[in-house]
Amino acid sequence: MIKNLLSGLAAGLLLLLVAGEARAVPVTFDFTGTGGQQTFYDFGTSPGLTVHVTGLGLPNRVRVVDQTLDGLGVYGLNGTDYNAEVDNGGTVDQLSLDFSQMVTLQQATFTSFGTGDVFSLKIDGSNKISSLLIASTVNFNSNLNLYGDTMQFTPGILDASAPPAVSNLFRLSSVTVTTTEPVPEPSTLLLLGAGLLGLAGWRRRRNS
């Protein structure tokens, strides 16, 4: 009986260790809607992950975020912007996503772009993608290590010396990111294991 109990305890500890391994949890944020022009937008999900979206005209011009059924764009407060997409006509627009925790970017969907249009991406201030062709759905290579809590989408080539092309524009319809579930601390597992083994020892002494 004691042997069976110890075997069961060992199996239980093994299951706890396996269950405690970190696993990536995908979360998709849908940016489509009819909210119109707002200073910012906040989106949230049931696990508690949120993203705060703002717009900017580089290097430091105030912009609002424009939400339509095609997704999010950027528009000038004074109404002099070329359009409400994220574009680089005259002033280079930037759409900034600030997540409530560290995430890894897996996918983005775009609308309102033209043939040959490209976008650039910064994460936590570091240049990650300097020029990538825009498509309806862009899946990101895991080797790019797109991990952080602030992501900035910009149309065109991420190069201040390169002249902007007005044709580079888009709306961001959605992003899919992954978070990592918390991993139980080793000390927690050790304490639980010691408690279970102590219970087995007490049971054995009681039966002897």
C-alpha atoms as a PDB file:
ATOM      1  CA  MET A   1       0.000   0.000   0.000  1.00  0.00           C
ATOM      2  CA  ILE A   2       2.813   2.389   0.939  1.00  0.00           C
ATOM      3  CA  LYS A   3       4.581   1.524  -2.297  1.00  0.00           C
ATOM      4  CA  ASN A   4       1.459   2.365  -4.272  1.00  0.00           C
ATOM      5  CA  LEU A   5       1.060   5.625  -2.360  1.00  0.00           C
ATOM      6  CA  LEU A   6       4.639   6.668  -3.089  1.00  0.00           C
ATOM      7  CA  SER A   7       4.200   5.791  -6.752  1.00  0.00           C
ATOM      8  CA  GLY A   8       1.089   7.930  -6.882  1.00  0.00           C
ATOM      9  CA  LEU A   9       2.888  10.821  -5.217  1.00  0.00           C
ATOM     10  CA  ALA A  10       5.751  10.600  -7.704  1.00  0.00           C
ATOM     11  CA  ALA A  11       3.310  10.585 -10.607  1.00  0.00           C
ATOM     12  CA  GLY A  12       1.504  13.584  -9.146  1.00  0.00           C
ATOM     13  CA  LEU A  13       4.744  15.554  -8.818  1.00  0.00           C
ATOM     14  CA  LEU A  14       5.629  14.719 -12.414  1.00  0.00           C
ATOM     15  CA  LEU A  15       2.260  15.993 -13.592  1.00  0.00           C
ATOM     16  CA  LEU A  16       2.752  19.196 -11.632  1.00  0.00           C
ATOM     17  CA  LEU A  17       6.136  19.752 -13.226  1.00  0.00           C
ATOM     18  CA  VAL A  18       4.761  19.174 -16.710  1.00  0.00           C
ATOM     19  CA  ALA A  19       1.765  21.416 -16.078  1.00  0.00           C
ATOM     20  CA  GLY A  20       4.077  24.083 -14.689  1.00  0.00           C
ATOM     21  CA  GLU A  21       6.058  24.464 -17.898  1.00  0.00           C
ATOM     22  CA  ALA A  22       5.574  27.854 -19.556  1.00  0.00           C
ATOM     23  CA  ARG A  23       3.329  27.797 -22.603  1.00  0.00           C
ATOM     24  CA  ALA A  24       2.573  30.524 -25.101  1.00  0.00           C
ATOM     25  CA  VAL A  25      -1.000  31.806 -25.070  1.00  0.00           C
ATOM     26  CA  PRO A  26      -2.129  33.530 -28.310  1.00  0.00           C
ATOM     27  CA  VAL A  27      -4.277  36.661 -27.986  1.00  0.00           C
ATOM     28  CA  THR A  28      -5.808  38.526 -30.946  1.00  0.00           C
ATOM     29  CA  PHE A  29      -6.812  42.180 -30.755  1.00  0.00           C
ATOM     30  CA  ASP A  30      -9.437  43.240 -33.301  1.00  0.00           C
ATOM     31  CA  PHE A  31      -9.007  46.943 -34.104  1.00  0.00           C
ATOM     32  CA  THR A  32     -11.989  47.326 -36.437  1.00  0.00           C
ATOM     33  CA  GLY A  33     -14.997  49.387 -35.399  1.00  0.00           C
ATOM     34  CA  THR A  34     -16.785  52.690 -35.818  1.00  0.00           C
ATOM     35  CA  GLY A  35     -15.272  54.761 -33.033  1.00  0.00           C
ATOM     36  CA  GLY A  36     -13.959  57.455 -35.358  1.00  0.00           C
ATOM     37  CA  GLN A  37     -11.250  59.892 -34.295  1.00  0.00           C
ATOM     38  CA  GLN A  38     -10.075  59.634 -30.697  1.00  0.00           C
ATOM     39  CA  THR A  39      -6.970  60.770 -28.844  1.00  0.00           C
ATOM     40  CA  PHE A  40      -6.283  57.114 -28.035  1.00  0.00           C
ATOM     41  CA  TYR A  41      -7.933  53.706 -27.951  1.00  0.00           C
ATOM     42  CA  ASP A  42      -7.743  51.011 -25.282  1.00  0.00           C
ATOM     43  CA  PHE A  43      -8.418  47.361 -26.074  1.00  0.00           C
ATOM     44  CA  GLY A  44      -8.577  44.532 -23.550  1.00  0.00           C
ATOM     45  CA  THR A  45      -9.003  40.776 -23.300  1.00  0.00           C
ATOM     46  CA  SER A  46     -10.429  38.459 -20.672  1.00  0.00           C
ATOM     47  CA  PRO A  47      -7.043  37.229 -19.300  1.00  0.00           C
ATOM     48  CA  GLY A  48      -6.256  40.844 -18.402  1.00  0.00           C
ATOM     49  CA  LEU A  49      -3.912  41.764 -21.260  1.00  0.00           C
ATOM     50  CA  THR A  50      -4.607  45.275 -22.590  1.00  0.00           C
ATOM     51  CA  VAL A  51      -3.149  47.506 -25.290  1.00  0.00           C
ATOM     52  CA  HIS A  52      -3.140  51.317 -25.404  1.00  0.00           C
ATOM     53  CA  VAL A  53      -3.024  52.708 -28.965  1.00  0.00           C
ATOM     54  CA  THR A  54      -1.872  56.246 -29.836  1.00  0.00           C
ATOM     55  CA  GLY A  55      -0.855  58.097 -32.986  1.00  0.00           C
ATOM     56  CA  LEU A  56       2.031  60.411 -33.736  1.00  0.00           C
ATOM     57  CA  GLY A  57       3.345  62.447 -36.648  1.00  0.00           C
ATOM     58  CA  LEU A  58       7.116  62.096 -36.617  1.00  0.00           C
ATOM     59  CA  PRO A  59       9.158  63.547 -35.183  1.00  0.00           C
ATOM     60  CA  ASN A  60       6.724  65.050 -32.673  1.00  0.00           C
ATOM     61  CA  ARG A  61       3.415  66.155 -34.159  1.00  0.00           C
ATOM     62  CA  VAL A  62       0.123  65.510 -32.427  1.00  0.00           C
ATOM     63  CA  ARG A  63      -2.124  62.981 -34.153  1.00  0.00           C
ATOM     64  CA  VAL A  64      -5.368  61.223 -33.272  1.00  0.00           C
ATOM     65  CA  VAL A  65      -6.252  57.580 -33.893  1.00  0.00           C
ATOM     66  CA  ASP A  66      -9.014  56.984 -36.426  1.00  0.00           C
ATOM     67  CA  GLN A  67     -11.047  53.771 -36.130  1.00  0.00           C
ATOM     68  CA  THR A  68     -13.171  52.461 -39.006  1.00  0.00           C
ATOM     69  CA  LEU A  69     -14.417  49.042 -40.079  1.00  0.00           C
ATOM     70  CA  ASP A  70     -11.077  48.705 -41.889  1.00  0.00           C
ATOM     71  CA  GLY A  71      -9.026  49.164 -38.723  1.00  0.00           C
ATOM     72  CA  LEU A  72      -6.899  51.911 -37.177  1.00  0.00           C
ATOM     73  CA  GLY A  73      -5.346  54.878 -38.930  1.00  0.00           C
ATOM     74  CA  VAL A  74      -3.755  58.179 -37.903  1.00  0.00           C
ATOM     75  CA  TYR A  75      -5.123  61.667 -38.595  1.00  0.00           C
ATOM     76  CA  GLY A  76      -3.918  65.214 -37.924  1.00  0.00           C
ATOM     77  CA  LEU A  77      -5.838  67.259 -35.355  1.00  0.00           C
ATOM     78  CA  ASN A  78      -5.823  70.345 -37.587  1.00  0.00           C
ATOM     79  CA  GLY A  79      -7.362  68.474 -40.520  1.00  0.00           C
ATOM     80  CA  THR A  80      -4.361  69.058 -42.769  1.00  0.00           C
ATOM     81  CA  ASP A  81      -3.238  65.423 -42.860  1.00  0.00           C
ATOM     82  CA  TYR A  82      -3.307  63.783 -46.287  1.00  0.00           C
ATOM     83  CA  ASN A  83      -5.706  61.069 -45.175  1.00  0.00           C
ATOM     84  CA  ALA A  84      -6.743  59.046 -42.152  1.00  0.00           C
ATOM     85  CA  GLU A  85      -4.536  56.051 -42.923  1.00  0.00           C
ATOM     86  CA  VAL A  86      -1.096  55.541 -41.398  1.00  0.00           C
ATOM     87  CA  ASP A  87       0.872  57.227 -44.186  1.00  0.00           C
ATOM     88  CA  ASN A  88       4.090  59.091 -44.916  1.00  0.00           C
ATOM     89  CA  GLY A  89       2.740  61.810 -47.154  1.00  0.00           C
ATOM     90  CA  GLY A  90       4.268  65.052 -45.910  1.00  0.00           C
ATOM     91  CA  THR A  91       4.645  63.863 -42.322  1.00  0.00           C
ATOM     92  CA  VAL A  92       5.460  60.262 -41.417  1.00  0.00           C
ATOM     93  CA  ASP A  93       2.705  58.811 -39.217  1.00  0.00           C
ATOM     94  CA  GLN A  94       3.304  56.289 -36.478  1.00  0.00           C
ATOM     95  CA  LEU A  95       0.846  53.966 -34.752  1.00  0.00           C
ATOM     96  CA  SER A  96       2.044  52.998 -31.283  1.00  0.00           C
ATOM     97  CA  LEU A  97       0.805  49.946 -29.360  1.00  0.00           C
ATOM     98  CA  ASP A  98       1.611  49.850 -25.632  1.00  0.00           C
ATOM     99  CA  PHE A  99       0.818  46.475 -24.045  1.00  0.00           C
ATOM    100  CA  SER A 100       0.250  45.968 -20.328  1.00  0.00           C
ATOM    101  CA  GLN A 101       2.854  43.199 -20.263  1.00  0.00           C
ATOM    102  CA  MET A 102       5.626  41.757 -22.402  1.00  0.00           C
ATOM    103  CA  VAL A 103       4.339  39.962 -25.492  1.00  0.00           C
ATOM    104  CA  THR A 104       5.668  38.442 -28.710  1.00  0.00           C
ATOM    105  CA  LEU A 105       4.213  39.660 -32.001  1.00  0.00           C
ATOM    106  CA  GLN A 106       3.014  36.748 -34.150  1.00  0.00           C
ATOM    107  CA  GLN A 107       0.731  38.240 -36.803  1.00  0.00           C
ATOM    108  CA  ALA A 108      -0.739  41.505 -38.085  1.00  0.00           C
ATOM    109  CA  THR A 109      -3.515  42.143 -40.593  1.00  0.00           C
ATOM    110  CA  PHE A 110      -3.669  45.244 -42.795  1.00  0.00           C
ATOM    111  CA  THR A 111      -6.115  47.024 -45.099  1.00  0.00           C
ATOM    112  CA  SER A 112      -6.118  50.173 -47.270  1.00  0.00           C
ATOM    113  CA  PHE A 113      -2.600  49.614 -48.619  1.00  0.00           C
ATOM    114  CA  GLY A 114      -1.371  49.799 -52.188  1.00  0.00           C
ATOM    115  CA  THR A 115       0.700  47.440 -54.300  1.00  0.00           C
ATOM    116  CA  GLY A 116       4.328  47.600 -53.250  1.00  0.00           C
ATOM    117  CA  ASP A 117       3.683  49.485 -50.004  1.00  0.00           C
ATOM    118  CA  VAL A 118       5.978  48.611 -47.106  1.00  0.00           C
ATOM    119  CA  PHE A 119       6.004  49.195 -43.365  1.00  0.00           C
ATOM    120  CA  SER A 120       8.594  49.387 -40.609  1.00  0.00           C
ATOM    121  CA  LEU A 121       8.465  48.251 -37.003  1.00  0.00           C
ATOM    122  CA  LYS A 122      10.143  49.295 -33.786  1.00  0.00           C
ATOM    123  CA  ILE A 123       9.835  47.363 -30.532  1.00  0.00           C
ATOM    124  CA  ASP A 124      10.796  49.064 -27.279  1.00  0.00           C
ATOM    125  CA  GLY A 125      12.697  51.656 -29.310  1.00  0.00           C
ATOM    126  CA  SER A 126      14.784  49.160 -31.287  1.00  0.00           C
ATOM    127  CA  ASN A 127      14.508  48.848 -35.070  1.00  0.00           C
ATOM    128  CA  LYS A 128      13.222  45.337 -35.766  1.00  0.00           C
ATOM    129  CA  ILE A 129      11.890  45.603 -39.321  1.00  0.00           C
ATOM    130  CA  SER A 130      13.168  48.347 -41.607  1.00  0.00           C
ATOM    131  CA  SER A 131      11.070  47.519 -44.672  1.00  0.00           C
ATOM    132  CA  LEU A 132       8.571  44.687 -45.106  1.00  0.00           C
ATOM    133  CA  LEU A 133       6.017  44.364 -47.894  1.00  0.00           C
ATOM    134  CA  ILE A 134       2.480  44.914 -46.624  1.00  0.00           C
ATOM    135  CA  ALA A 135      -0.039  42.127 -47.170  1.00  0.00           C
ATOM    136  CA  SER A 136      -3.536  41.442 -45.873  1.00  0.00           C
ATOM    137  CA  THR A 137      -1.992  39.049 -43.341  1.00  0.00           C
ATOM    138  CA  VAL A 138       1.646  39.191 -42.262  1.00  0.00           C
ATOM    139  CA  ASN A 139       3.006  36.299 -40.197  1.00  0.00           C
ATOM    140  CA  PHE A 140       6.211  37.150 -38.372  1.00  0.00           C
ATOM    141  CA  ASN A 141       9.187  34.815 -38.229  1.00  0.00           C
ATOM    142  CA  SER A 142      10.017  33.694 -34.697  1.00  0.00           C
ATOM    143  CA  ASN A 143      13.707  34.310 -35.467  1.00  0.00           C
ATOM    144  CA  LEU A 144      12.999  38.059 -35.493  1.00  0.00           C
ATOM    145  CA  ASN A 145      12.486  37.962 -31.707  1.00  0.00           C
ATOM    146  CA  LEU A 146       9.640  40.497 -31.772  1.00  0.00           C
ATOM    147  CA  TYR A 147       9.319  40.583 -27.974  1.00  0.00           C
ATOM    148  CA  GLY A 148       8.474  43.643 -25.904  1.00  0.00           C
ATOM    149  CA  ASP A 149       5.652  45.811 -24.596  1.00  0.00           C
ATOM    150  CA  THR A 150       5.768  48.777 -27.022  1.00  0.00           C
ATOM    151  CA  MET A 151       5.374  48.311 -30.786  1.00  0.00           C
ATOM    152  CA  GLN A 152       5.468  51.175 -33.293  1.00  0.00           C
ATOM    153  CA  PHE A 153       4.211  50.668 -36.851  1.00  0.00           C
ATOM    154  CA  THR A 154       5.427  53.166 -39.452  1.00  0.00           C
ATOM    155  CA  PRO A 155       4.826  53.298 -43.229  1.00  0.00           C
ATOM    156  CA  GLY A 156       7.785  53.193 -45.583  1.00  0.00           C
ATOM    157  CA  ILE A 157      11.466  52.506 -44.980  1.00  0.00           C
ATOM    158  CA  LEU A 158      12.789  53.132 -41.484  1.00  0.00           C
ATOM    159  CA  ASP A 159      15.588  55.379 -42.703  1.00  0.00           C
ATOM    160  CA  ALA A 160      15.627  59.116 -42.097  1.00  0.00           C
ATOM    161  CA  SER A 161      17.917  59.653 -45.092  1.00  0.00           C
ATOM    162  CA  ALA A 162      15.505  57.959 -47.500  1.00  0.00           C
ATOM    163  CA  PRO A 163      12.886  60.233 -49.125  1.00  0.00           C
ATOM    164  CA  PRO A 164       9.353  59.177 -48.137  1.00  0.00           C
ATOM    165  CA  ALA A 165       7.013  57.793 -50.773  1.00  0.00           C
ATOM    166  CA  VAL A 166       3.442  59.040 -50.448  1.00  0.00           C
ATOM    167  CA  SER A 167       2.129  55.687 -51.672  1.00  0.00           C
ATOM    168  CA  ASN A 168       3.122  53.914 -48.435  1.00  0.00           C
ATOM    169  CA  LEU A 169       0.017  53.763 -46.296  1.00  0.00           C
ATOM    170  CA  PHE A 170      -2.132  51.259 -44.407  1.00  0.00           C
ATOM    171  CA  ARG A 171      -4.656  50.624 -41.690  1.00  0.00           C
ATOM    172  CA  LEU A 172      -3.932  48.120 -38.948  1.00  0.00           C
ATOM    173  CA  SER A 173      -6.907  45.748 -38.571  1.00  0.00           C
ATOM    174  CA  SER A 174      -5.615  43.371 -35.915  1.00  0.00           C
ATOM    175  CA  VAL A 175      -2.560  41.954 -34.204  1.00  0.00           C
ATOM    176  CA  THR A 176      -1.995  38.553 -32.660  1.00  0.00           C
ATOM    177  CA  VAL A 177       0.506  38.292 -29.831  1.00  0.00           C
ATOM    178  CA  THR A 178       1.493  35.553 -27.419  1.00  0.00           C
ATOM    179  CA  THR A 179       1.965  35.839 -23.704  1.00  0.00           C
ATOM    180  CA  THR A 180       3.656  33.349 -21.399  1.00  0.00           C
ATOM    181  CA  GLU A 181       1.729  31.843 -18.512  1.00  0.00           C
ATOM    182  CA  PRO A 182       3.464  32.102 -15.115  1.00  0.00           C
ATOM    183  CA  VAL A 183       5.737  29.207 -14.173  1.00  0.00           C
ATOM    184  CA  PRO A 184       5.479  27.888 -10.578  1.00  0.00           C
ATOM    185  CA  GLU A 185       8.596  28.682  -8.580  1.00  0.00           C
ATOM    186  CA  PRO A 186      10.874  25.669  -7.907  1.00  0.00           C
ATOM    187  CA  SER A 187      10.632  26.330  -4.167  1.00  0.00           C
ATOM    188  CA  THR A 188       6.844  25.972  -4.343  1.00  0.00           C
ATOM    189  CA  LEU A 189       7.128  22.600  -6.032  1.00  0.00           C
ATOM    190  CA  LEU A 190       9.795  21.440  -3.551  1.00  0.00           C
ATOM    191  CA  LEU A 191       7.639  22.414  -0.575  1.00  0.00           C
ATOM    192  CA  LEU A 192       4.661  20.603  -2.037  1.00  0.00           C
ATOM    193  CA  GLY A 193       6.752  17.522  -2.713  1.00  0.00           C
ATOM    194  CA  ALA A 194       8.226  17.551   0.798  1.00  0.00           C
ATOM    195  CA  GLY A 195       4.752  17.836   2.269  1.00  0.00           C
ATOM    196  CA  LEU A 196       3.456  14.894   0.258  1.00  0.00           C
ATOM    197  CA  LEU A 197       6.451  12.738   1.160  1.00  0.00           C
ATOM    198  CA  GLY A 198       6.055  13.699   4.819  1.00  0.00           C
ATOM    199  CA  LEU A 199       2.421  12.615   4.643  1.00  0.00           C
ATOM    200  CA  ALA A 200       3.511   9.289   3.191  1.00  0.00           C
ATOM    201  CA  GLY A 201       6.034   8.821   6.038  1.00  0.00           C
ATOM    202  CA  TRP A 202       3.417   9.621   8.663  1.00  0.00           C
ATOM    203  CA  ARG A 203       1.014   7.137   7.053  1.00  0.00           C
ATOM    204  CA  ARG A 204       3.694   4.456   7.070  1.00  0.00           C
ATOM    205  CA  ARG A 205       4.532   4.963  10.768  1.00  0.00           C
ATOM    206  CA  ARG A 206       0.876   4.930  11.657  1.00  0.00           C
ATOM    207  CA  ASN A 207       0.344   1.575   9.944  1.00  0.00           C
ATOM    208  CA  SER A 208       3.468  -0.066  11.441  1.00  0.00           C
END
